[in-house]
N, C-alpha and C. Protein backbone atom coordinates (compact mmCIF):
# COMPACT_ATOMS: atom_id res chain seq x y z
N UNK A 1 -15.90 -26.02 -11.78
CA UNK A 1 -15.78 -24.66 -11.33
C UNK A 1 -16.01 -24.60 -9.82
N UNK A 2 -15.16 -23.81 -9.14
CA UNK A 2 -15.33 -23.61 -7.70
C UNK A 2 -15.41 -22.13 -7.39
N UNK A 3 -16.35 -21.78 -6.53
CA UNK A 3 -16.47 -20.42 -6.02
C UNK A 3 -15.70 -20.36 -4.70
N UNK A 4 -14.78 -19.38 -4.62
CA UNK A 4 -13.88 -19.26 -3.47
C UNK A 4 -14.15 -17.95 -2.73
N UNK A 5 -14.24 -18.05 -1.41
CA UNK A 5 -14.20 -16.87 -0.55
C UNK A 5 -12.83 -16.86 0.11
N UNK A 6 -12.10 -15.77 -0.07
CA UNK A 6 -10.77 -15.61 0.50
C UNK A 6 -10.81 -14.51 1.55
N UNK A 7 -10.39 -14.87 2.77
CA UNK A 7 -10.35 -13.88 3.83
C UNK A 7 -9.09 -14.06 4.66
N UNK A 8 -8.82 -13.07 5.48
CA UNK A 8 -7.64 -13.08 6.33
C UNK A 8 -7.87 -12.15 7.51
N UNK A 9 -7.03 -12.30 8.51
CA UNK A 9 -6.99 -11.35 9.62
C UNK A 9 -8.36 -11.11 10.25
N UNK A 10 -9.03 -12.20 10.58
CA UNK A 10 -10.30 -12.10 11.29
C UNK A 10 -10.08 -11.78 12.77
N UNK A 11 -8.94 -12.14 13.32
CA UNK A 11 -8.59 -11.83 14.71
C UNK A 11 -9.71 -12.22 15.67
N UNK A 12 -10.31 -13.39 15.45
CA UNK A 12 -11.34 -13.89 16.36
C UNK A 12 -12.74 -13.41 16.03
N UNK A 13 -12.89 -12.62 14.98
CA UNK A 13 -14.21 -12.07 14.64
C UNK A 13 -14.89 -12.88 13.53
N UNK A 14 -16.13 -13.27 13.79
CA UNK A 14 -16.98 -13.89 12.77
C UNK A 14 -18.38 -13.36 13.02
N UNK A 15 -19.05 -12.95 11.96
CA UNK A 15 -20.42 -12.45 12.12
C UNK A 15 -21.26 -12.86 10.92
N UNK A 16 -22.51 -12.44 10.92
CA UNK A 16 -23.43 -12.85 9.88
C UNK A 16 -23.02 -12.32 8.51
N UNK A 17 -22.37 -11.18 8.47
CA UNK A 17 -21.92 -10.64 7.19
C UNK A 17 -20.90 -11.58 6.55
N UNK A 18 -19.96 -12.06 7.33
CA UNK A 18 -18.97 -13.01 6.82
C UNK A 18 -19.66 -14.32 6.45
N UNK A 19 -20.53 -14.80 7.32
CA UNK A 19 -21.22 -16.08 7.10
C UNK A 19 -22.01 -16.07 5.80
N UNK A 20 -22.65 -14.97 5.45
CA UNK A 20 -23.44 -14.96 4.21
C UNK A 20 -22.54 -15.17 2.99
N UNK A 21 -21.31 -14.69 3.04
CA UNK A 21 -20.37 -14.91 1.94
C UNK A 21 -19.79 -16.33 1.99
N UNK A 22 -19.63 -16.87 3.19
CA UNK A 22 -19.24 -18.28 3.33
C UNK A 22 -20.29 -19.16 2.66
N UNK A 23 -21.54 -18.86 2.89
CA UNK A 23 -22.63 -19.65 2.30
C UNK A 23 -22.63 -19.59 0.78
N UNK A 24 -22.19 -18.47 0.19
CA UNK A 24 -22.09 -18.33 -1.26
C UNK A 24 -21.03 -19.26 -1.85
N UNK A 25 -19.95 -19.49 -1.11
CA UNK A 25 -18.75 -20.16 -1.63
C UNK A 25 -18.89 -21.68 -1.67
N UNK A 26 -18.07 -22.28 -2.52
CA UNK A 26 -17.88 -23.73 -2.49
C UNK A 26 -16.77 -24.11 -1.50
N UNK A 27 -15.76 -23.23 -1.39
CA UNK A 27 -14.65 -23.41 -0.45
C UNK A 27 -14.31 -22.05 0.14
N UNK A 28 -13.79 -22.06 1.37
CA UNK A 28 -13.30 -20.85 2.02
C UNK A 28 -11.82 -21.04 2.29
N UNK A 29 -11.03 -20.02 1.94
CA UNK A 29 -9.60 -20.02 2.19
C UNK A 29 -9.29 -18.87 3.15
N UNK A 30 -8.57 -19.18 4.24
CA UNK A 30 -8.23 -18.18 5.26
C UNK A 30 -6.71 -18.04 5.32
N UNK A 31 -6.22 -16.82 5.12
CA UNK A 31 -4.78 -16.58 5.04
C UNK A 31 -4.16 -16.13 6.36
N UNK A 32 -4.68 -16.63 7.48
CA UNK A 32 -4.01 -16.45 8.77
C UNK A 32 -4.47 -15.28 9.62
N UNK A 33 -3.94 -15.26 10.84
CA UNK A 33 -4.43 -14.40 11.92
C UNK A 33 -5.92 -14.67 12.13
N UNK A 34 -6.20 -15.93 12.34
CA UNK A 34 -7.56 -16.42 12.56
C UNK A 34 -8.09 -15.88 13.88
N UNK A 35 -7.29 -15.97 14.92
CA UNK A 35 -7.67 -15.43 16.23
C UNK A 35 -8.10 -16.48 17.22
N UNK A 36 -9.08 -17.29 16.85
CA UNK A 36 -9.47 -18.42 17.71
C UNK A 36 -10.27 -19.43 16.89
N UNK A 37 -10.45 -20.62 17.45
CA UNK A 37 -11.10 -21.70 16.72
C UNK A 37 -12.59 -21.45 16.48
N UNK A 38 -13.17 -20.50 17.18
CA UNK A 38 -14.58 -20.16 16.93
C UNK A 38 -14.77 -19.79 15.46
N UNK A 39 -13.81 -19.05 14.91
CA UNK A 39 -13.88 -18.61 13.51
C UNK A 39 -13.83 -19.81 12.58
N UNK A 40 -12.81 -20.63 12.73
CA UNK A 40 -12.65 -21.76 11.81
C UNK A 40 -13.74 -22.81 12.01
N UNK A 41 -14.18 -23.01 13.24
CA UNK A 41 -15.27 -23.96 13.48
C UNK A 41 -16.56 -23.50 12.81
N UNK A 42 -16.87 -22.20 12.91
CA UNK A 42 -18.09 -21.66 12.29
C UNK A 42 -18.05 -21.84 10.78
N UNK A 43 -16.89 -21.57 10.17
CA UNK A 43 -16.76 -21.71 8.72
C UNK A 43 -16.81 -23.18 8.31
N UNK A 44 -16.05 -24.02 9.01
CA UNK A 44 -15.94 -25.43 8.62
C UNK A 44 -17.24 -26.21 8.80
N UNK A 45 -18.16 -25.72 9.61
CA UNK A 45 -19.45 -26.42 9.72
C UNK A 45 -20.31 -26.16 8.49
N UNK A 46 -19.97 -25.10 7.73
CA UNK A 46 -20.76 -24.74 6.55
C UNK A 46 -20.12 -25.16 5.23
N UNK A 47 -18.81 -24.98 5.12
CA UNK A 47 -18.11 -25.23 3.85
C UNK A 47 -16.72 -25.78 4.10
N UNK A 48 -16.13 -26.44 3.09
CA UNK A 48 -14.74 -26.87 3.23
C UNK A 48 -13.84 -25.66 3.45
N UNK A 49 -12.89 -25.80 4.36
CA UNK A 49 -12.00 -24.71 4.75
C UNK A 49 -10.55 -25.11 4.54
N UNK A 50 -9.79 -24.21 3.93
CA UNK A 50 -8.34 -24.34 3.84
C UNK A 50 -7.78 -23.11 4.55
N UNK A 51 -6.85 -23.30 5.48
CA UNK A 51 -6.35 -22.16 6.26
C UNK A 51 -4.90 -22.38 6.67
N UNK A 52 -4.25 -21.27 6.96
CA UNK A 52 -2.90 -21.27 7.54
C UNK A 52 -2.94 -20.45 8.82
N UNK A 53 -1.99 -20.71 9.72
CA UNK A 53 -1.94 -19.89 10.92
C UNK A 53 -1.18 -18.60 10.63
N UNK A 54 -1.48 -17.59 11.44
CA UNK A 54 -0.78 -16.30 11.33
C UNK A 54 0.03 -16.02 12.58
N UNK A 55 0.69 -14.89 12.60
CA UNK A 55 1.59 -14.57 13.70
C UNK A 55 0.88 -14.37 15.04
N UNK A 56 -0.41 -14.06 15.06
CA UNK A 56 -1.11 -13.90 16.34
C UNK A 56 -1.73 -15.21 16.83
N UNK A 57 -1.75 -16.21 15.98
CA UNK A 57 -2.44 -17.45 16.32
C UNK A 57 -1.63 -18.30 17.29
N UNK A 58 -2.33 -18.81 18.30
CA UNK A 58 -1.69 -19.58 19.36
C UNK A 58 -1.55 -21.05 19.02
N UNK A 59 -1.17 -21.80 20.04
CA UNK A 59 -0.86 -23.22 19.92
C UNK A 59 -2.00 -24.03 19.31
N UNK A 60 -3.24 -23.76 19.73
CA UNK A 60 -4.37 -24.56 19.25
C UNK A 60 -4.54 -24.43 17.73
N UNK A 61 -4.48 -23.21 17.21
CA UNK A 61 -4.60 -23.02 15.76
C UNK A 61 -3.37 -23.51 15.02
N UNK A 62 -2.19 -23.33 15.61
CA UNK A 62 -0.95 -23.80 14.97
C UNK A 62 -0.91 -25.32 14.90
N UNK A 63 -1.61 -25.99 15.80
CA UNK A 63 -1.65 -27.45 15.74
C UNK A 63 -2.65 -27.95 14.69
N UNK A 64 -3.60 -27.11 14.32
CA UNK A 64 -4.62 -27.50 13.33
C UNK A 64 -4.27 -27.08 11.90
N UNK A 65 -3.52 -25.98 11.76
CA UNK A 65 -3.26 -25.42 10.44
C UNK A 65 -1.76 -25.20 10.24
N UNK A 66 -1.27 -25.36 8.99
CA UNK A 66 0.16 -25.19 8.71
C UNK A 66 0.54 -23.72 8.50
N UNK A 67 1.83 -23.47 8.42
CA UNK A 67 2.32 -22.14 8.07
C UNK A 67 2.19 -21.90 6.56
N UNK A 68 2.43 -22.94 5.79
CA UNK A 68 2.36 -22.89 4.33
C UNK A 68 1.39 -23.96 3.85
N UNK A 69 0.56 -23.60 2.91
CA UNK A 69 -0.39 -24.56 2.35
C UNK A 69 -0.27 -24.50 0.83
N UNK A 70 0.14 -25.62 0.24
CA UNK A 70 0.26 -25.75 -1.21
C UNK A 70 -0.80 -26.74 -1.67
N UNK A 71 -1.55 -26.39 -2.71
CA UNK A 71 -2.56 -27.30 -3.23
C UNK A 71 -2.93 -26.89 -4.64
N UNK A 72 -3.64 -27.77 -5.32
CA UNK A 72 -4.12 -27.52 -6.67
C UNK A 72 -5.63 -27.38 -6.60
N UNK A 73 -6.17 -26.35 -7.20
CA UNK A 73 -7.61 -26.14 -7.26
C UNK A 73 -8.01 -25.91 -8.71
N UNK A 74 -8.70 -26.86 -9.27
CA UNK A 74 -9.21 -26.71 -10.65
C UNK A 74 -8.10 -26.35 -11.63
N UNK A 75 -6.90 -26.92 -11.43
CA UNK A 75 -5.79 -26.67 -12.34
C UNK A 75 -4.95 -25.45 -12.01
N UNK A 76 -5.24 -24.76 -10.91
CA UNK A 76 -4.45 -23.61 -10.46
C UNK A 76 -3.62 -24.05 -9.26
N UNK A 77 -2.30 -23.84 -9.37
CA UNK A 77 -1.40 -24.19 -8.26
C UNK A 77 -1.39 -23.02 -7.28
N UNK A 78 -1.82 -23.29 -6.04
CA UNK A 78 -2.03 -22.25 -5.03
C UNK A 78 -1.05 -22.43 -3.87
N UNK A 79 -0.55 -21.31 -3.38
CA UNK A 79 0.24 -21.29 -2.14
C UNK A 79 -0.36 -20.21 -1.25
N UNK A 80 -0.71 -20.61 -0.02
CA UNK A 80 -1.19 -19.66 0.99
C UNK A 80 -0.21 -19.67 2.16
N UNK A 81 0.19 -18.48 2.60
CA UNK A 81 0.97 -18.29 3.82
C UNK A 81 0.54 -16.95 4.40
N UNK A 82 0.83 -16.71 5.66
CA UNK A 82 0.32 -15.47 6.25
C UNK A 82 1.17 -14.24 5.90
N UNK A 83 2.46 -14.30 6.19
CA UNK A 83 3.34 -13.16 5.94
C UNK A 83 4.10 -13.43 4.65
N UNK A 84 3.78 -12.65 3.61
CA UNK A 84 4.37 -12.94 2.31
C UNK A 84 4.88 -11.75 1.53
N UNK A 85 4.61 -10.54 2.00
CA UNK A 85 5.02 -9.38 1.23
C UNK A 85 4.17 -9.26 -0.03
N UNK A 86 4.75 -8.66 -1.06
CA UNK A 86 4.05 -8.52 -2.33
C UNK A 86 5.09 -8.37 -3.44
N UNK A 87 4.67 -8.49 -4.70
CA UNK A 87 5.63 -8.47 -5.82
C UNK A 87 6.63 -7.32 -5.72
N UNK A 88 7.90 -7.69 -5.90
CA UNK A 88 8.99 -6.72 -5.79
C UNK A 88 9.45 -6.49 -4.36
N UNK A 89 8.69 -7.01 -3.38
CA UNK A 89 9.05 -6.82 -1.97
C UNK A 89 8.77 -8.07 -1.15
N UNK A 90 9.18 -9.22 -1.67
CA UNK A 90 9.02 -10.47 -0.93
C UNK A 90 10.17 -10.64 0.06
N UNK A 91 9.89 -11.15 1.27
CA UNK A 91 10.99 -11.52 2.17
C UNK A 91 11.81 -12.67 1.56
N UNK A 92 13.02 -12.86 2.05
CA UNK A 92 13.93 -13.89 1.50
C UNK A 92 13.29 -15.28 1.53
N UNK A 93 12.57 -15.62 2.59
CA UNK A 93 11.93 -16.94 2.69
C UNK A 93 10.95 -17.16 1.54
N UNK A 94 10.19 -16.15 1.22
CA UNK A 94 9.18 -16.24 0.15
C UNK A 94 9.87 -16.35 -1.21
N UNK A 95 10.87 -15.51 -1.45
CA UNK A 95 11.62 -15.55 -2.72
C UNK A 95 12.21 -16.94 -2.96
N UNK A 96 12.79 -17.50 -1.92
CA UNK A 96 13.42 -18.81 -2.05
C UNK A 96 12.40 -19.87 -2.47
N UNK A 97 11.23 -19.86 -1.87
CA UNK A 97 10.20 -20.83 -2.23
C UNK A 97 9.68 -20.57 -3.63
N UNK A 98 9.44 -19.31 -3.98
CA UNK A 98 8.94 -18.99 -5.32
C UNK A 98 9.93 -19.37 -6.42
N UNK A 99 11.21 -19.32 -6.12
CA UNK A 99 12.22 -19.70 -7.10
C UNK A 99 12.30 -21.21 -7.29
N UNK A 100 11.79 -21.97 -6.32
CA UNK A 100 11.89 -23.44 -6.38
C UNK A 100 10.56 -24.16 -6.49
N UNK A 101 9.47 -23.45 -6.43
CA UNK A 101 8.14 -24.06 -6.44
C UNK A 101 7.27 -23.32 -7.46
N UNK A 102 6.69 -24.03 -8.38
CA UNK A 102 5.82 -23.41 -9.39
C UNK A 102 4.47 -23.07 -8.75
N UNK A 103 4.11 -21.80 -8.78
CA UNK A 103 2.87 -21.32 -8.18
C UNK A 103 2.15 -20.43 -9.19
N UNK A 104 0.84 -20.60 -9.33
CA UNK A 104 0.03 -19.73 -10.19
C UNK A 104 -0.63 -18.62 -9.39
N UNK A 105 -1.00 -18.94 -8.15
CA UNK A 105 -1.71 -18.00 -7.28
C UNK A 105 -1.03 -18.01 -5.91
N UNK A 106 -0.46 -16.86 -5.52
CA UNK A 106 0.19 -16.72 -4.23
C UNK A 106 -0.68 -15.83 -3.35
N UNK A 107 -1.07 -16.35 -2.19
CA UNK A 107 -1.98 -15.65 -1.28
C UNK A 107 -1.30 -15.45 0.06
N UNK A 108 -1.43 -14.23 0.58
CA UNK A 108 -0.98 -13.97 1.94
C UNK A 108 -1.92 -12.96 2.58
N UNK A 109 -1.75 -12.72 3.86
CA UNK A 109 -2.53 -11.76 4.61
C UNK A 109 -1.59 -10.79 5.29
N UNK A 110 -1.81 -10.56 6.58
CA UNK A 110 -0.93 -9.84 7.49
C UNK A 110 -0.99 -8.31 7.40
N UNK A 111 -0.96 -7.74 6.21
CA UNK A 111 -0.84 -6.28 6.08
C UNK A 111 -2.14 -5.54 6.37
N UNK A 112 -3.28 -6.22 6.33
CA UNK A 112 -4.61 -5.62 6.44
C UNK A 112 -4.91 -4.71 5.24
N UNK A 113 -4.12 -4.82 4.19
CA UNK A 113 -4.30 -4.01 2.98
C UNK A 113 -4.64 -4.93 1.82
N UNK A 114 -5.80 -4.74 1.24
CA UNK A 114 -6.22 -5.55 0.11
C UNK A 114 -5.37 -5.21 -1.12
N UNK A 115 -4.80 -6.25 -1.73
CA UNK A 115 -4.03 -6.07 -2.96
C UNK A 115 -4.23 -7.27 -3.85
N UNK A 116 -4.41 -7.03 -5.13
CA UNK A 116 -4.39 -8.08 -6.14
C UNK A 116 -3.46 -7.57 -7.22
N UNK A 117 -2.36 -8.30 -7.44
CA UNK A 117 -1.32 -7.84 -8.36
C UNK A 117 -0.78 -8.99 -9.19
N UNK A 118 -0.44 -8.68 -10.41
CA UNK A 118 0.26 -9.64 -11.25
C UNK A 118 1.75 -9.55 -10.94
N UNK A 119 2.39 -10.69 -10.82
CA UNK A 119 3.84 -10.73 -10.62
C UNK A 119 4.45 -11.35 -11.87
N UNK A 120 5.00 -10.50 -12.72
CA UNK A 120 5.56 -10.97 -13.98
C UNK A 120 6.86 -11.76 -13.78
N UNK A 121 7.62 -11.42 -12.75
CA UNK A 121 8.89 -12.13 -12.51
C UNK A 121 8.64 -13.61 -12.24
N UNK A 122 7.64 -13.92 -11.41
CA UNK A 122 7.36 -15.31 -11.06
C UNK A 122 6.15 -15.86 -11.80
N UNK A 123 5.59 -15.07 -12.70
CA UNK A 123 4.46 -15.48 -13.53
C UNK A 123 3.31 -16.02 -12.68
N UNK A 124 2.85 -15.17 -11.74
CA UNK A 124 1.77 -15.58 -10.84
C UNK A 124 0.86 -14.40 -10.55
N UNK A 125 -0.27 -14.71 -9.96
CA UNK A 125 -1.18 -13.69 -9.45
C UNK A 125 -1.03 -13.67 -7.94
N UNK A 126 -0.85 -12.48 -7.39
CA UNK A 126 -0.69 -12.30 -5.94
C UNK A 126 -1.98 -11.71 -5.39
N UNK A 127 -2.51 -12.32 -4.31
CA UNK A 127 -3.71 -11.80 -3.66
C UNK A 127 -3.49 -11.66 -2.17
N UNK A 128 -3.93 -10.53 -1.64
CA UNK A 128 -4.04 -10.32 -0.20
C UNK A 128 -5.45 -9.77 0.01
N UNK A 129 -6.31 -10.50 0.74
CA UNK A 129 -7.70 -10.06 0.87
C UNK A 129 -7.93 -8.93 1.87
N UNK A 130 -6.87 -8.40 2.46
CA UNK A 130 -7.04 -7.36 3.48
C UNK A 130 -7.44 -8.00 4.80
N UNK A 131 -8.31 -7.34 5.55
CA UNK A 131 -8.69 -7.83 6.88
C UNK A 131 -10.21 -7.89 7.00
N UNK A 132 -10.70 -9.05 7.44
CA UNK A 132 -12.15 -9.23 7.64
C UNK A 132 -12.56 -8.99 9.09
N UNK A 133 -11.60 -8.86 9.98
CA UNK A 133 -11.91 -8.68 11.39
C UNK A 133 -11.96 -7.22 11.81
N UNK A 134 -12.21 -7.01 13.09
CA UNK A 134 -12.37 -5.66 13.62
C UNK A 134 -11.09 -5.11 14.24
N UNK A 135 -10.09 -5.94 14.44
CA UNK A 135 -8.86 -5.53 15.10
C UNK A 135 -7.86 -5.02 14.06
N UNK A 136 -7.30 -3.83 14.29
CA UNK A 136 -6.28 -3.29 13.40
C UNK A 136 -6.60 -1.87 12.99
N UNK A 137 -5.74 -1.32 12.16
CA UNK A 137 -5.86 0.08 11.76
C UNK A 137 -6.88 0.30 10.64
N UNK A 138 -7.27 -0.73 9.94
CA UNK A 138 -8.16 -0.58 8.79
C UNK A 138 -9.54 -0.09 9.22
N UNK A 139 -10.15 0.72 8.40
CA UNK A 139 -11.49 1.26 8.68
C UNK A 139 -12.57 0.45 7.95
N UNK A 140 -12.18 -0.19 6.85
CA UNK A 140 -13.10 -0.99 6.05
C UNK A 140 -12.61 -2.43 6.05
N UNK A 141 -13.52 -3.35 6.35
CA UNK A 141 -13.22 -4.78 6.30
C UNK A 141 -13.34 -5.24 4.86
N UNK A 142 -12.45 -6.15 4.46
CA UNK A 142 -12.46 -6.64 3.08
C UNK A 142 -12.26 -8.13 3.00
N UNK A 143 -12.81 -8.71 1.94
CA UNK A 143 -12.62 -10.11 1.57
C UNK A 143 -12.63 -10.15 0.04
N UNK A 144 -12.23 -11.27 -0.53
CA UNK A 144 -12.28 -11.46 -1.99
C UNK A 144 -13.14 -12.67 -2.32
N UNK A 145 -13.91 -12.55 -3.38
CA UNK A 145 -14.66 -13.68 -3.93
C UNK A 145 -14.23 -13.85 -5.39
N UNK A 146 -14.07 -15.11 -5.80
CA UNK A 146 -13.69 -15.37 -7.19
C UNK A 146 -14.03 -16.81 -7.54
N UNK A 147 -13.88 -17.11 -8.82
CA UNK A 147 -14.13 -18.46 -9.32
C UNK A 147 -12.85 -19.01 -9.91
N UNK A 148 -12.66 -20.32 -9.76
CA UNK A 148 -11.52 -21.01 -10.35
C UNK A 148 -12.09 -22.12 -11.22
N UNK A 149 -11.64 -22.14 -12.49
CA UNK A 149 -12.17 -23.12 -13.43
C UNK A 149 -11.15 -23.37 -14.53
N UNK A 150 -10.83 -24.61 -14.75
CA UNK A 150 -9.92 -25.03 -15.83
C UNK A 150 -8.65 -24.18 -15.89
N UNK A 151 -8.00 -24.03 -14.73
CA UNK A 151 -6.73 -23.32 -14.67
C UNK A 151 -6.81 -21.81 -14.73
N UNK A 152 -8.00 -21.26 -14.63
CA UNK A 152 -8.17 -19.81 -14.72
C UNK A 152 -8.95 -19.26 -13.52
N UNK A 153 -8.61 -18.03 -13.15
CA UNK A 153 -9.31 -17.31 -12.08
C UNK A 153 -10.16 -16.25 -12.75
N UNK A 154 -11.43 -16.18 -12.38
CA UNK A 154 -12.33 -15.21 -13.00
C UNK A 154 -13.33 -14.70 -11.98
N UNK A 155 -14.15 -13.76 -12.41
CA UNK A 155 -15.25 -13.20 -11.62
C UNK A 155 -14.77 -12.69 -10.25
N UNK A 156 -13.61 -12.06 -10.24
CA UNK A 156 -13.05 -11.53 -8.98
C UNK A 156 -13.88 -10.35 -8.49
N UNK A 157 -14.28 -10.43 -7.22
CA UNK A 157 -15.06 -9.37 -6.59
C UNK A 157 -14.43 -9.00 -5.25
N UNK A 158 -14.44 -7.71 -4.95
CA UNK A 158 -14.02 -7.24 -3.63
C UNK A 158 -15.28 -7.07 -2.79
N UNK A 159 -15.26 -7.64 -1.59
CA UNK A 159 -16.34 -7.45 -0.62
C UNK A 159 -15.83 -6.46 0.41
N UNK A 160 -16.57 -5.36 0.59
CA UNK A 160 -16.19 -4.33 1.56
C UNK A 160 -17.36 -4.08 2.49
N UNK A 161 -17.04 -3.84 3.76
CA UNK A 161 -18.07 -3.42 4.71
C UNK A 161 -17.38 -2.67 5.84
N UNK A 162 -18.09 -1.72 6.40
CA UNK A 162 -17.56 -0.90 7.48
C UNK A 162 -17.56 -1.70 8.77
N UNK A 163 -16.46 -1.64 9.47
CA UNK A 163 -16.41 -2.37 10.74
C UNK A 163 -17.18 -1.59 11.79
N UNK A 164 -17.86 -2.33 12.66
CA UNK A 164 -18.69 -1.71 13.71
C UNK A 164 -18.11 -2.01 15.08
């Protein structure tokens, strides 16, 4: 069993509130718009980190992290990318990959809107953790915590806090 902290759109922001949830997790997954290496360095010194770059991320982050990350976690096939849309409204690039790649959990960021949805067409769970950073239109920062064990996702929790 692995405890996962999923976040996105930190835009260079990392603070003790985020760190306390990093400490809870076995792994941290970041769905892009990291902002700067201070964020990923702070997380990676505490826990294993899987991340993708987002549209605001510069050369340094793009050289460290891919656009698409495919991996298996406890029997769940995961795909993380930054800009992915959501069920029924995927961009053509995403549809093409979903039609050719078996995925159980599809994760993206970008919208700053937290969504967890079942996609019956592609038989997957779609997650967008919203935005954990202070930059953007959102008033509440969000992250997701969950467990992955024997091919199943459970104990899903939304973490919310007011941005200051």
